[in-house]
Amino acid sequence: MALIENYKLLKPLQMSDYHLLKNNVVFGPATPARINPRSHAPSEMTATYYEQRSRAGLIIRKPAPSLSKASDGTGHRISTPPRRRQEVVDCVHKKGGKICAALAHGSAVAPFIRCK
């Protein structure tokens, strides 16, 4: 039986000259309902959720989808304080993890939604 230390999945992954992941595990967007339901801002529970998963090589955070006029087009609401999103990033970095936001787009329907 192979030792877990020998699994390629757990070996470091050099993605580019500047990006080294501690392993080959990528945690895809799977944000549960841990955001503030009124402002859609990340909550303390959001930060804890991602911090607990920071042992993955890379966490891809799901953007908060929004078709509201309050959205800046990235899936993030303009009213969401950047410090709340930064708290999530800081919690992951504190544990040695790497995190990025998934790219969001409005697809072909976006121009029609925005024209109202």
PDB file of N, CA and C in Angstrom:
ATOM      1  N   MET A   1       0.846  -1.186   0.000  1.00  0.00           N
ATOM      2  CA  MET A   1       0.000   0.000   0.000  1.00  0.00           C
ATOM      3  C   MET A   1       0.887   1.243   0.000  1.00  0.00           C
ATOM      4  N   ALA A   2       0.567   2.204  -0.862  1.00  0.00           N
ATOM      5  CA  ALA A   2       1.375   3.417  -0.994  1.00  0.00           C
ATOM      6  C   ALA A   2       1.163   4.340   0.203  1.00  0.00           C
ATOM      7  N   LEU A   3       2.237   5.002   0.583  1.00  0.00           N
ATOM      8  CA  LEU A   3       2.139   5.995   1.645  1.00  0.00           C
ATOM      9  C   LEU A   3       1.478   7.248   1.096  1.00  0.00           C
ATOM     10  N   ILE A   4       0.688   7.906   1.921  1.00  0.00           N
ATOM     11  CA  ILE A   4      -0.020   9.103   1.477  1.00  0.00           C
ATOM     12  C   ILE A   4       0.952  10.195   1.027  1.00  0.00           C
ATOM     13  N   GLU A   5       2.152  10.227   1.607  1.00  0.00           N
ATOM     14  CA  GLU A   5       3.155  11.225   1.226  1.00  0.00           C
ATOM     15  C   GLU A   5       3.609  11.051  -0.223  1.00  0.00           C
ATOM     16  N   ASN A   6       3.417   9.869  -0.788  1.00  0.00           N
ATOM     17  CA  ASN A   6       3.851   9.587  -2.154  1.00  0.00           C
ATOM     18  C   ASN A   6       2.799   9.918  -3.213  1.00  0.00           C
ATOM     19  N   TYR A   7       1.612  10.303  -2.807  1.00  0.00           N
ATOM     20  CA  TYR A   7       0.561  10.625  -3.772  1.00  0.00           C
ATOM     21  C   TYR A   7       0.917  11.897  -4.527  1.00  0.00           C
ATOM     22  N   LYS A   8       0.858  11.838  -5.854  1.00  0.00           N
ATOM     23  CA  LYS A   8       1.159  13.019  -6.673  1.00  0.00           C
ATOM     24  C   LYS A   8       0.185  14.162  -6.392  1.00  0.00           C
ATOM     25  N   LEU A   9      -1.024  13.820  -6.020  1.00  0.00           N
ATOM     26  CA  LEU A   9      -2.024  14.832  -5.716  1.00  0.00           C
ATOM     27  C   LEU A   9      -1.557  15.773  -4.606  1.00  0.00           C
ATOM     28  N   LEU A  10      -0.754  15.249  -3.692  1.00  0.00           N
ATOM     29  CA  LEU A  10      -0.313  16.046  -2.548  1.00  0.00           C
ATOM     30  C   LEU A  10       1.056  16.687  -2.744  1.00  0.00           C
ATOM     31  N   LYS A  11       1.644  16.516  -3.909  1.00  0.00           N
ATOM     32  CA  LYS A  11       2.946  17.124  -4.210  1.00  0.00           C
ATOM     33  C   LYS A  11       2.740  18.565  -4.666  1.00  0.00           C
ATOM     34  N   PRO A  12       3.728  19.454  -4.451  1.00  0.00           N
ATOM     35  CA  PRO A  12       3.620  20.839  -4.923  1.00  0.00           C
ATOM     36  C   PRO A  12       3.428  20.900  -6.435  1.00  0.00           C
ATOM     37  N   LEU A  13       2.740  21.938  -6.885  1.00  0.00           N
ATOM     38  CA  LEU A  13       2.456  22.134  -8.306  1.00  0.00           C
ATOM     39  C   LEU A  13       2.953  23.513  -8.723  1.00  0.00           C
ATOM     40  N   GLN A  14       3.926  23.545  -9.632  1.00  0.00           N
ATOM     41  CA  GLN A  14       4.450  24.806 -10.160  1.00  0.00           C
ATOM     42  C   GLN A  14       3.571  25.214 -11.339  1.00  0.00           C
ATOM     43  N   MET A  15       2.736  26.227 -11.165  1.00  0.00           N
ATOM     44  CA  MET A  15       1.815  26.646 -12.226  1.00  0.00           C
ATOM     45  C   MET A  15       2.467  27.615 -13.208  1.00  0.00           C
ATOM     46  N   SER A  16       3.427  28.383 -12.741  1.00  0.00           N
ATOM     47  CA  SER A  16       4.161  29.322 -13.587  1.00  0.00           C
ATOM     48  C   SER A  16       5.444  29.679 -12.849  1.00  0.00           C
ATOM     49  N   ASP A  17       6.211  30.589 -13.402  1.00  0.00           N
ATOM     50  CA  ASP A  17       7.434  31.017 -12.719  1.00  0.00           C
ATOM     51  C   ASP A  17       7.132  31.647 -11.366  1.00  0.00           C
ATOM     52  N   TYR A  18       5.926  32.180 -11.205  1.00  0.00           N
ATOM     53  CA  TYR A  18       5.587  32.935  -9.998  1.00  0.00           C
ATOM     54  C   TYR A  18       4.578  32.247  -9.091  1.00  0.00           C
ATOM     55  N   HIS A  19       3.945  31.206  -9.553  1.00  0.00           N
ATOM     56  CA  HIS A  19       2.868  30.587  -8.784  1.00  0.00           C
ATOM     57  C   HIS A  19       3.153  29.122  -8.475  1.00  0.00           C
ATOM     58  N   LEU A  20       3.424  28.876  -7.217  1.00  0.00           N
ATOM     59  CA  LEU A  20       3.644  27.517  -6.727  1.00  0.00           C
ATOM     60  C   LEU A  20       2.523  27.183  -5.753  1.00  0.00           C
ATOM     61  N   LEU A  21       1.793  26.118  -6.049  1.00  0.00           N
ATOM     62  CA  LEU A  21       0.761  25.651  -5.130  1.00  0.00           C
ATOM     63  C   LEU A  21       1.349  24.556  -4.264  1.00  0.00           C
ATOM     64  N   LYS A  22       0.905  24.483  -3.014  1.00  0.00           N
ATOM     65  CA  LYS A  22       1.485  23.484  -2.106  1.00  0.00           C
ATOM     66  C   LYS A  22       1.053  22.062  -2.431  1.00  0.00           C
ATOM     67  N   ASN A  23      -0.020  21.925  -3.237  1.00  0.00           N
ATOM     68  CA  ASN A  23      -0.448  20.604  -3.698  1.00  0.00           C
ATOM     69  C   ASN A  23      -1.298  20.762  -4.952  1.00  0.00           C
ATOM     70  N   ASN A  24      -1.760  19.665  -5.499  1.00  0.00           N
ATOM     71  CA  ASN A  24      -2.545  19.662  -6.736  1.00  0.00           C
ATOM     72  C   ASN A  24      -4.050  19.727  -6.488  1.00  0.00           C
ATOM     73  N   VAL A  25      -4.452  20.025  -5.289  1.00  0.00           N
ATOM     74  CA  VAL A  25      -5.867  20.065  -4.939  1.00  0.00           C
ATOM     75  C   VAL A  25      -6.418  21.464  -5.224  1.00  0.00           C
ATOM     76  N   VAL A  26      -7.478  21.525  -6.015  1.00  0.00           N
ATOM     77  CA  VAL A  26      -8.157  22.794  -6.287  1.00  0.00           C
ATOM     78  C   VAL A  26      -9.573  22.667  -5.751  1.00  0.00           C
ATOM     79  N   PHE A  27      -9.926  23.582  -4.868  1.00  0.00           N
ATOM     80  CA  PHE A  27     -11.266  23.606  -4.278  1.00  0.00           C
ATOM     81  C   PHE A  27     -12.102  24.570  -5.112  1.00  0.00           C
ATOM     82  N   GLY A  28     -13.028  24.029  -5.878  1.00  0.00           N
ATOM     83  CA  GLY A  28     -13.832  24.837  -6.788  1.00  0.00           C
ATOM     84  C   GLY A  28     -14.916  25.625  -6.086  1.00  0.00           C
ATOM     85  N   PRO A  29     -15.544  26.544  -6.812  1.00  0.00           N
ATOM     86  CA  PRO A  29     -16.588  27.377  -6.226  1.00  0.00           C
ATOM     87  C   PRO A  29     -17.716  26.537  -5.637  1.00  0.00           C
ATOM     88  N   ALA A  30     -17.944  26.698  -4.363  1.00  0.00           N
ATOM     89  CA  ALA A  30     -18.992  25.937  -3.680  1.00  0.00           C
ATOM     90  C   ALA A  30     -19.468  26.681  -2.449  1.00  0.00           C
ATOM     91  N   THR A  31     -19.636  27.979  -2.575  1.00  0.00           N
ATOM     92  CA  THR A  31     -20.007  28.776  -1.415  1.00  0.00           C
ATOM     93  C   THR A  31     -21.407  28.428  -0.946  1.00  0.00           C
ATOM     94  N   PRO A  32     -21.527  27.973   0.271  1.00  0.00           N
ATOM     95  CA  PRO A  32     -22.857  27.751   0.826  1.00  0.00           C
ATOM     96  C   PRO A  32     -23.452  29.092   1.269  1.00  0.00           C
ATOM     97  N   ALA A  33     -24.620  29.056   1.822  1.00  0.00           N
ATOM     98  CA  ALA A  33     -25.295  30.288   2.246  1.00  0.00           C
ATOM     99  C   ALA A  33     -24.657  30.838   3.521  1.00  0.00           C
ATOM    100  N   ARG A  34     -23.461  31.376   3.379  1.00  0.00           N
ATOM    101  CA  ARG A  34     -22.765  31.946   4.529  1.00  0.00           C
ATOM    102  C   ARG A  34     -22.470  33.426   4.295  1.00  0.00           C
ATOM    103  N   ILE A  35     -23.316  34.055   3.500  1.00  0.00           N
ATOM    104  CA  ILE A  35     -23.168  35.481   3.269  1.00  0.00           C
ATOM    105  C   ILE A  35     -24.320  36.197   3.941  1.00  0.00           C
ATOM    106  N   ASN A  36     -24.181  37.487   4.097  1.00  0.00           N
ATOM    107  CA  ASN A  36     -25.250  38.288   4.654  1.00  0.00           C
ATOM    108  C   ASN A  36     -26.377  38.346   3.617  1.00  0.00           C
ATOM    109  N   PRO A  37     -27.580  37.869   3.946  1.00  0.00           N
ATOM    110  CA  PRO A  37     -28.649  37.794   2.949  1.00  0.00           C
ATOM    111  C   PRO A  37     -29.141  39.154   2.461  1.00  0.00           C
ATOM    112  N   ARG A  38     -28.915  40.199   3.224  1.00  0.00           N
ATOM    113  CA  ARG A  38     -29.386  41.525   2.809  1.00  0.00           C
ATOM    114  C   ARG A  38     -28.365  42.238   1.937  1.00  0.00           C
ATOM    115  N   SER A  39     -27.097  42.221   2.347  1.00  0.00           N
ATOM    116  CA  SER A  39     -26.071  42.967   1.608  1.00  0.00           C
ATOM    117  C   SER A  39     -25.278  42.083   0.651  1.00  0.00           C
ATOM    118  N   HIS A  40     -25.411  40.777   0.796  1.00  0.00           N
ATOM    119  CA  HIS A  40     -24.640  39.799   0.017  1.00  0.00           C
ATOM    120  C   HIS A  40     -23.146  39.895   0.302  1.00  0.00           C
ATOM    121  N   ALA A  41     -22.796  40.531   1.398  1.00  0.00           N
ATOM    122  CA  ALA A  41     -21.392  40.655   1.797  1.00  0.00           C
ATOM    123  C   ALA A  41     -20.951  39.369   2.480  1.00  0.00           C
ATOM    124  N   PRO A  42     -19.685  38.998   2.331  1.00  0.00           N
ATOM    125  CA  PRO A  42     -19.171  37.841   3.067  1.00  0.00           C
ATOM    126  C   PRO A  42     -19.306  38.092   4.569  1.00  0.00           C
ATOM    127  N   SER A  43     -19.625  37.059   5.301  1.00  0.00           N
ATOM    128  CA  SER A  43     -19.760  37.184   6.752  1.00  0.00           C
ATOM    129  C   SER A  43     -18.552  36.552   7.432  1.00  0.00           C
ATOM    130  N   GLU A  44     -18.531  36.618   8.738  1.00  0.00           N
ATOM    131  CA  GLU A  44     -17.469  35.955   9.501  1.00  0.00           C
ATOM    132  C   GLU A  44     -17.505  34.449   9.240  1.00  0.00           C
ATOM    133  N   MET A  45     -18.710  33.904   9.065  1.00  0.00           N
ATOM    134  CA  MET A  45     -18.842  32.474   8.756  1.00  0.00           C
ATOM    135  C   MET A  45     -18.219  32.140   7.401  1.00  0.00           C
ATOM    136  N   THR A  46     -18.297  33.085   6.445  1.00  0.00           N
ATOM    137  CA  THR A  46     -17.686  32.870   5.131  1.00  0.00           C
ATOM    138  C   THR A  46     -16.186  32.736   5.283  1.00  0.00           C
ATOM    139  N   ALA A  47     -15.596  33.645   6.061  1.00  0.00           N
ATOM    140  CA  ALA A  47     -14.149  33.614   6.286  1.00  0.00           C
ATOM    141  C   ALA A  47     -13.736  32.308   6.955  1.00  0.00           C
ATOM    142  N   THR A  48     -14.491  31.876   7.947  1.00  0.00           N
ATOM    143  CA  THR A  48     -14.186  30.623   8.642  1.00  0.00           C
ATOM    144  C   THR A  48     -14.304  29.433   7.690  1.00  0.00           C
ATOM    145  N   TYR A  49     -15.333  29.432   6.853  1.00  0.00           N
ATOM    146  CA  TYR A  49     -15.557  28.351   5.885  1.00  0.00           C
ATOM    147  C   TYR A  49     -14.338  28.172   4.986  1.00  0.00           C
ATOM    148  N   TYR A  50     -13.855  29.265   4.410  1.00  0.00           N
ATOM    149  CA  TYR A  50     -12.708  29.177   3.508  1.00  0.00           C
ATOM    150  C   TYR A  50     -11.405  28.919   4.259  1.00  0.00           C
ATOM    151  N   GLU A  51     -11.287  29.455   5.455  1.00  0.00           N
ATOM    152  CA  GLU A  51     -10.092  29.201   6.265  1.00  0.00           C
ATOM    153  C   GLU A  51      -9.957  27.704   6.554  1.00  0.00           C
ATOM    154  N   GLN A  52     -11.071  27.046   6.825  1.00  0.00           N
ATOM    155  CA  GLN A  52     -11.054  25.609   7.106  1.00  0.00           C
ATOM    156  C   GLN A  52     -10.632  24.789   5.888  1.00  0.00           C
ATOM    157  N   ARG A  53     -10.767  25.343   4.710  1.00  0.00           N
ATOM    158  CA  ARG A  53     -10.427  24.631   3.478  1.00  0.00           C
ATOM    159  C   ARG A  53      -9.111  25.114   2.868  1.00  0.00           C
ATOM    160  N   SER A  54      -8.362  25.897   3.609  1.00  0.00           N
ATOM    161  CA  SER A  54      -7.145  26.521   3.082  1.00  0.00           C
ATOM    162  C   SER A  54      -5.999  25.546   2.843  1.00  0.00           C
ATOM    163  N   ARG A  55      -6.164  24.286   3.220  1.00  0.00           N
ATOM    164  CA  ARG A  55      -5.108  23.298   2.942  1.00  0.00           C
ATOM    165  C   ARG A  55      -5.111  22.863   1.484  1.00  0.00           C
ATOM    166  N   ALA A  56      -6.157  23.207   0.754  1.00  0.00           N
ATOM    167  CA  ALA A  56      -6.171  22.932  -0.692  1.00  0.00           C
ATOM    168  C   ALA A  56      -5.082  23.779  -1.340  1.00  0.00           C
ATOM    169  N   GLY A  57      -4.567  23.338  -2.472  1.00  0.00           N
ATOM    170  CA  GLY A  57      -3.545  24.114  -3.165  1.00  0.00           C
ATOM    171  C   GLY A  57      -4.076  25.465  -3.608  1.00  0.00           C
ATOM    172  N   LEU A  58      -5.325  25.477  -4.081  1.00  0.00           N
ATOM    173  CA  LEU A  58      -5.948  26.711  -4.556  1.00  0.00           C
ATOM    174  C   LEU A  58      -7.438  26.644  -4.276  1.00  0.00           C
ATOM    175  N   ILE A  59      -7.982  27.736  -3.782  1.00  0.00           N
ATOM    176  CA  ILE A  59      -9.422  27.861  -3.578  1.00  0.00           C
ATOM    177  C   ILE A  59      -9.933  28.851  -4.617  1.00  0.00           C
ATOM    178  N   ILE A  60     -10.940  28.453  -5.356  1.00  0.00           N
ATOM    179  CA  ILE A  60     -11.588  29.362  -6.297  1.00  0.00           C
ATOM    180  C   ILE A  60     -12.911  29.756  -5.664  1.00  0.00           C
ATOM    181  N   ARG A  61     -13.010  31.021  -5.300  1.00  0.00           N
ATOM    182  CA  ARG A  61     -14.191  31.515  -4.611  1.00  0.00           C
ATOM    183  C   ARG A  61     -15.278  31.854  -5.617  1.00  0.00           C
ATOM    184  N   LYS A  62     -16.489  31.468  -5.293  1.00  0.00           N
ATOM    185  CA  LYS A  62     -17.634  31.744  -6.164  1.00  0.00           C
ATOM    186  C   LYS A  62     -18.064  33.199  -5.981  1.00  0.00           C
ATOM    187  N   PRO A  63     -18.177  33.953  -7.066  1.00  0.00           N
ATOM    188  CA  PRO A  63     -18.662  35.326  -6.916  1.00  0.00           C
ATOM    189  C   PRO A  63     -20.150  35.318  -6.611  1.00  0.00           C
ATOM    190  N   ALA A  64     -20.615  36.325  -5.917  1.00  0.00           N
ATOM    191  CA  ALA A  64     -22.041  36.434  -5.623  1.00  0.00           C
ATOM    192  C   ALA A  64     -22.754  36.909  -6.876  1.00  0.00           C
ATOM    193  N   PRO A  65     -23.555  36.056  -7.508  1.00  0.00           N
ATOM    194  CA  PRO A  65     -24.224  36.486  -8.737  1.00  0.00           C
ATOM    195  C   PRO A  65     -25.250  37.563  -8.437  1.00  0.00           C
ATOM    196  N   SER A  66     -25.284  38.560  -9.285  1.00  0.00           N
ATOM    197  CA  SER A  66     -26.227  39.640  -9.068  1.00  0.00           C
ATOM    198  C   SER A  66     -26.605  40.265 -10.394  1.00  0.00           C
ATOM    199  N   LEU A  67     -27.864  40.425 -10.630  1.00  0.00           N
ATOM    200  CA  LEU A  67     -28.337  41.134 -11.813  1.00  0.00           C
ATOM    201  C   LEU A  67     -28.840  42.509 -11.414  1.00  0.00           C
ATOM    202  N   SER A  68     -28.635  42.868 -10.163  1.00  0.00           N
ATOM    203  CA  SER A  68     -29.119  44.140  -9.664  1.00  0.00           C
ATOM    204  C   SER A  68     -28.249  45.284 -10.161  1.00  0.00           C
ATOM    205  N   LYS A  69     -28.783  46.478 -10.149  1.00  0.00           N
ATOM    206  CA  LYS A  69     -28.016  47.658 -10.542  1.00  0.00           C
ATOM    207  C   LYS A  69     -26.913  47.953  -9.534  1.00  0.00           C
ATOM    208  N   ALA A  70     -26.964  47.316  -8.372  1.00  0.00           N
ATOM    209  CA  ALA A  70     -25.926  47.518  -7.358  1.00  0.00           C
ATOM    210  C   ALA A  70     -24.663  46.737  -7.679  1.00  0.00           C
ATOM    211  N   SER A  71     -24.701  45.888  -8.696  1.00  0.00           N
ATOM    212  CA  SER A  71     -23.533  45.089  -9.046  1.00  0.00           C
ATOM    213  C   SER A  71     -22.587  45.900  -9.909  1.00  0.00           C
ATOM    214  N   ASP A  72     -21.287  45.661  -9.732  1.00  0.00           N
ATOM    215  CA  ASP A  72     -20.289  46.349 -10.555  1.00  0.00           C
ATOM    216  C   ASP A  72     -19.951  45.543 -11.804  1.00  0.00           C
ATOM    217  N   GLY A  73     -20.707  44.470 -12.085  1.00  0.00           N
ATOM    218  CA  GLY A  73     -20.486  43.662 -13.274  1.00  0.00           C
ATOM    219  C   GLY A  73     -19.599  42.461 -13.032  1.00  0.00           C
ATOM    220  N   THR A  74     -18.955  42.380 -11.881  1.00  0.00           N
ATOM    221  CA  THR A  74     -18.068  41.259 -11.584  1.00  0.00           C
ATOM    222  C   THR A  74     -18.762  40.207 -10.749  1.00  0.00           C
ATOM    223  N   GLY A  75     -19.998  40.466 -10.376  1.00  0.00           N
ATOM    224  CA  GLY A  75     -20.680  39.560  -9.466  1.00  0.00           C
ATOM    225  C   GLY A  75     -20.560  40.039  -8.037  1.00  0.00           C
ATOM    226  N   HIS A  76     -19.712  41.047  -7.813  1.00  0.00           N
ATOM    227  CA  HIS A  76     -19.578  41.638  -6.481  1.00  0.00           C
ATOM    228  C   HIS A  76     -20.469  42.867  -6.425  1.00  0.00           C
ATOM    229  N   ARG A  77     -21.154  43.026  -5.350  1.00  0.00           N
ATOM    230  CA  ARG A  77     -21.972  44.222  -5.219  1.00  0.00           C
ATOM    231  C   ARG A  77     -21.083  45.382  -4.793  1.00  0.00           C
ATOM    232  N   ILE A  78     -21.336  46.534  -5.372  1.00  0.00           N
ATOM    233  CA  ILE A  78     -20.551  47.719  -5.043  1.00  0.00           C
ATOM    234  C   ILE A  78     -20.691  48.050  -3.566  1.00  0.00           C
ATOM    235  N   SER A  79     -21.868  47.781  -2.997  1.00  0.00           N
ATOM    236  CA  SER A  79     -22.108  48.106  -1.596  1.00  0.00           C
ATOM    237  C   SER A  79     -21.376  47.168  -0.641  1.00  0.00           C
ATOM    238  N   THR A  80     -20.844  46.057  -1.144  1.00  0.00           N
ATOM    239  CA  THR A  80     -20.107  45.134  -0.285  1.00  0.00           C
ATOM    240  C   THR A  80     -18.787  45.775   0.099  1.00  0.00           C
ATOM    241  N   PRO A  81     -18.551  45.966   1.381  1.00  0.00           N
ATOM    242  CA  PRO A  81     -17.283  46.583   1.777  1.00  0.00           C
ATOM    243  C   PRO A  81     -16.104  45.713   1.366  1.00  0.00           C
ATOM    244  N   PRO A  82     -15.113  46.294   0.669  1.00  0.00           N
ATOM    245  CA  PRO A  82     -13.936  45.506   0.268  1.00  0.00           C
ATOM    246  C   PRO A  82     -13.247  44.853   1.461  1.00  0.00           C
ATOM    247  N   ARG A  83     -13.348  45.473   2.638  1.00  0.00           N
ATOM    248  CA  ARG A  83     -12.677  44.894   3.813  1.00  0.00           C
ATOM    249  C   ARG A  83     -13.284  43.540   4.174  1.00  0.00           C
ATOM    250  N   ARG A  84     -14.583  43.319   3.904  1.00  0.00           N
ATOM    251  CA  ARG A  84     -15.202  42.025   4.207  1.00  0.00           C
ATOM    252  C   ARG A  84     -14.642  40.951   3.287  1.00  0.00           C
ATOM    253  N   ARG A  85     -14.478  41.286   2.006  1.00  0.00           N
ATOM    254  CA  ARG A  85     -13.871  40.325   1.083  1.00  0.00           C
ATOM    255  C   ARG A  85     -12.416  40.100   1.464  1.00  0.00           C
ATOM    256  N   GLN A  86     -11.741  41.165   1.897  1.00  0.00           N
ATOM    257  CA  GLN A  86     -10.335  41.052   2.275  1.00  0.00           C
ATOM    258  C   GLN A  86     -10.166  40.172   3.506  1.00  0.00           C
ATOM    259  N   GLU A  87     -11.127  40.202   4.422  1.00  0.00           N
ATOM    260  CA  GLU A  87     -11.065  39.344   5.610  1.00  0.00           C
ATOM    261  C   GLU A  87     -11.041  37.868   5.215  1.00  0.00           C
ATOM    262  N   VAL A  88     -11.823  37.508   4.205  1.00  0.00           N
ATOM    263  CA  VAL A  88     -11.847  36.123   3.723  1.00  0.00           C
ATOM    264  C   VAL A  88     -10.473  35.759   3.170  1.00  0.00           C
ATOM    265  N   VAL A  89      -9.920  36.631   2.326  1.00  0.00           N
ATOM    266  CA  VAL A  89      -8.600  36.393   1.733  1.00  0.00           C
ATOM    267  C   VAL A  89      -7.537  36.287   2.826  1.00  0.00           C
ATOM    268  N   ASP A  90      -7.577  37.191   3.797  1.00  0.00           N
ATOM    269  CA  ASP A  90      -6.585  37.181   4.880  1.00  0.00           C
ATOM    270  C   ASP A  90      -6.648  35.898   5.698  1.00  0.00           C
ATOM    271  N   CYS A  91      -7.855  35.395   5.963  1.00  0.00           N
ATOM    272  CA  CYS A  91      -7.998  34.147   6.726  1.00  0.00           C
ATOM    273  C   CYS A  91      -7.358  32.978   5.984  1.00  0.00           C
ATOM    274  N   VAL A  92      -7.550  32.931   4.673  1.00  0.00           N
ATOM    275  CA  VAL A  92      -6.963  31.849   3.870  1.00  0.00           C
ATOM    276  C   VAL A  92      -5.445  31.991   3.828  1.00  0.00           C
ATOM    277  N   HIS A  93      -4.961  33.210   3.598  1.00  0.00           N
ATOM    278  CA  HIS A  93      -3.513  33.440   3.534  1.00  0.00           C
ATOM    279  C   HIS A  93      -2.836  33.146   4.876  1.00  0.00           C
ATOM    280  N   LYS A  94      -3.530  33.449   5.963  1.00  0.00           N
ATOM    281  CA  LYS A  94      -2.979  33.200   7.301  1.00  0.00           C
ATOM    282  C   LYS A  94      -2.649  31.719   7.497  1.00  0.00           C
ATOM    283  N   LYS A  95      -3.440  30.856   6.854  1.00  0.00           N
ATOM    284  CA  LYS A  95      -3.229  29.408   6.952  1.00  0.00           C
ATOM    285  C   LYS A  95      -2.340  28.875   5.831  1.00  0.00           C
ATOM    286  N   GLY A  96      -1.764  29.792   5.026  1.00  0.00           N
ATOM    287  CA  GLY A  96      -0.860  29.365   3.961  1.00  0.00           C
ATOM    288  C   GLY A  96      -1.555  28.984   2.669  1.00  0.00           C
ATOM    289  N   GLY A  97      -2.848  29.290   2.548  1.00  0.00           N
ATOM    290  CA  GLY A  97      -3.593  28.947   1.344  1.00  0.00           C
ATOM    291  C   GLY A  97      -3.568  30.050   0.305  1.00  0.00           C
ATOM    292  N   LYS A  98      -4.030  29.720  -0.891  1.00  0.00           N
ATOM    293  CA  LYS A  98      -4.162  30.686  -1.985  1.00  0.00           C
ATOM    294  C   LYS A  98      -5.616  30.675  -2.422  1.00  0.00           C
ATOM    295  N   ILE A  99      -6.113  31.866  -2.754  1.00  0.00           N
ATOM    296  CA  ILE A  99      -7.521  32.003  -3.110  1.00  0.00           C
ATOM    297  C   ILE A  99      -7.664  33.005  -4.252  1.00  0.00           C
ATOM    298  N   CYS A 100      -8.631  32.749  -5.120  1.00  0.00           N
ATOM    299  CA  CYS A 100      -8.953  33.709  -6.178  1.00  0.00           C
ATOM    300  C   CYS A 100     -10.458  33.661  -6.404  1.00  0.00           C
ATOM    301  N   ALA A 101     -10.980  34.694  -7.031  1.00  0.00           N
ATOM    302  CA  ALA A 101     -12.411  34.730  -7.336  1.00  0.00           C
ATOM    303  C   ALA A 101     -12.652  34.125  -8.710  1.00  0.00           C
ATOM    304  N   ALA A 102     -13.736  33.410  -8.839  1.00  0.00           N
ATOM    305  CA  ALA A 102     -14.133  32.903 -10.150  1.00  0.00           C
ATOM    306  C   ALA A 102     -14.534  34.093 -11.013  1.00  0.00           C
ATOM    307  N   LEU A 103     -14.258  34.007 -12.287  1.00  0.00           N
ATOM    308  CA  LEU A 103     -14.665  35.077 -13.190  1.00  0.00           C
ATOM    309  C   LEU A 103     -16.154  34.946 -13.468  1.00  0.00           C
ATOM    310  N   ALA A 104     -16.847  36.058 -13.432  1.00  0.00           N
ATOM    311  CA  ALA A 104     -18.288  36.059 -13.686  1.00  0.00           C
ATOM    312  C   ALA A 104     -18.580  36.958 -14.879  1.00  0.00           C
ATOM    313  N   HIS A 105     -19.537  36.542 -15.655  1.00  0.00           N
ATOM    314  CA  HIS A 105     -19.958  37.388 -16.771  1.00  0.00           C
ATOM    315  C   HIS A 105     -21.457  37.251 -16.942  1.00  0.00           C
ATOM    316  N   GLY A 106     -22.028  38.224 -17.576  1.00  0.00           N
ATOM    317  CA  GLY A 106     -23.475  38.255 -17.730  1.00  0.00           C
ATOM    318  C   GLY A 106     -23.985  37.522 -18.941  1.00  0.00           C
ATOM    319  N   SER A 107     -23.083  36.944 -19.722  1.00  0.00           N
ATOM    320  CA  SER A 107     -23.476  36.185 -20.901  1.00  0.00           C
ATOM    321  C   SER A 107     -24.105  37.117 -21.939  1.00  0.00           C
ATOM    322  N   ALA A 108     -24.770  36.543 -22.888  1.00  0.00           N
ATOM    323  CA  ALA A 108     -25.361  37.320 -23.975  1.00  0.00           C
ATOM    324  C   ALA A 108     -26.579  38.121 -23.530  1.00  0.00           C
ATOM    325  N   VAL A 109     -27.150  37.781 -22.377  1.00  0.00           N
ATOM    326  CA  VAL A 109     -28.344  38.495 -21.934  1.00  0.00           C
ATOM    327  C   VAL A 109     -28.013  39.769 -21.171  1.00  0.00           C
ATOM    328  N   ALA A 110     -26.771  39.966 -20.786  1.00  0.00           N
ATOM    329  CA  ALA A 110     -26.398  41.113 -19.961  1.00  0.00           C
ATOM    330  C   ALA A 110     -26.806  42.458 -20.562  1.00  0.00           C
ATOM    331  N   PRO A 111     -26.583  42.718 -21.868  1.00  0.00           N
ATOM    332  CA  PRO A 111     -26.974  44.028 -22.402  1.00  0.00           C
ATOM    333  C   PRO A 111     -28.470  44.301 -22.275  1.00  0.00           C
ATOM    334  N   PHE A 112     -29.283  43.262 -22.390  1.00  0.00           N
ATOM    335  CA  PHE A 112     -30.727  43.451 -22.316  1.00  0.00           C
ATOM    336  C   PHE A 112     -31.190  43.684 -20.884  1.00  0.00           C
ATOM    337  N   ILE A 113     -30.524  43.068 -19.945  1.00  0.00           N
ATOM    338  CA  ILE A 113     -30.873  43.255 -18.536  1.00  0.00           C
ATOM    339  C   ILE A 113     -30.515  44.663 -18.102  1.00  0.00           C
ATOM    340  N   ARG A 114     -29.365  45.152 -18.526  1.00  0.00           N
ATOM    341  CA  ARG A 114     -28.878  46.474 -18.130  1.00  0.00           C
ATOM    342  C   ARG A 114     -29.667  47.615 -18.776  1.00  0.00           C
ATOM    343  N   CYS A 115     -30.373  47.354 -19.865  1.00  0.00           N
ATOM    344  CA  CYS A 115     -31.066  48.421 -20.598  1.00  0.00           C
ATOM    345  C   CYS A 115     -32.379  48.845 -19.962  1.00  0.00           C
ATOM    346  N   LYS A 116     -32.830  48.141 -18.967  1.00  0.00           N
ATOM    347  CA  LYS A 116     -34.138  48.453 -18.372  1.00  0.00           C
ATOM    348  C   LYS A 116     -34.128  49.801 -17.695  1.00  0.00           C
TER     349      LYS A 116
END
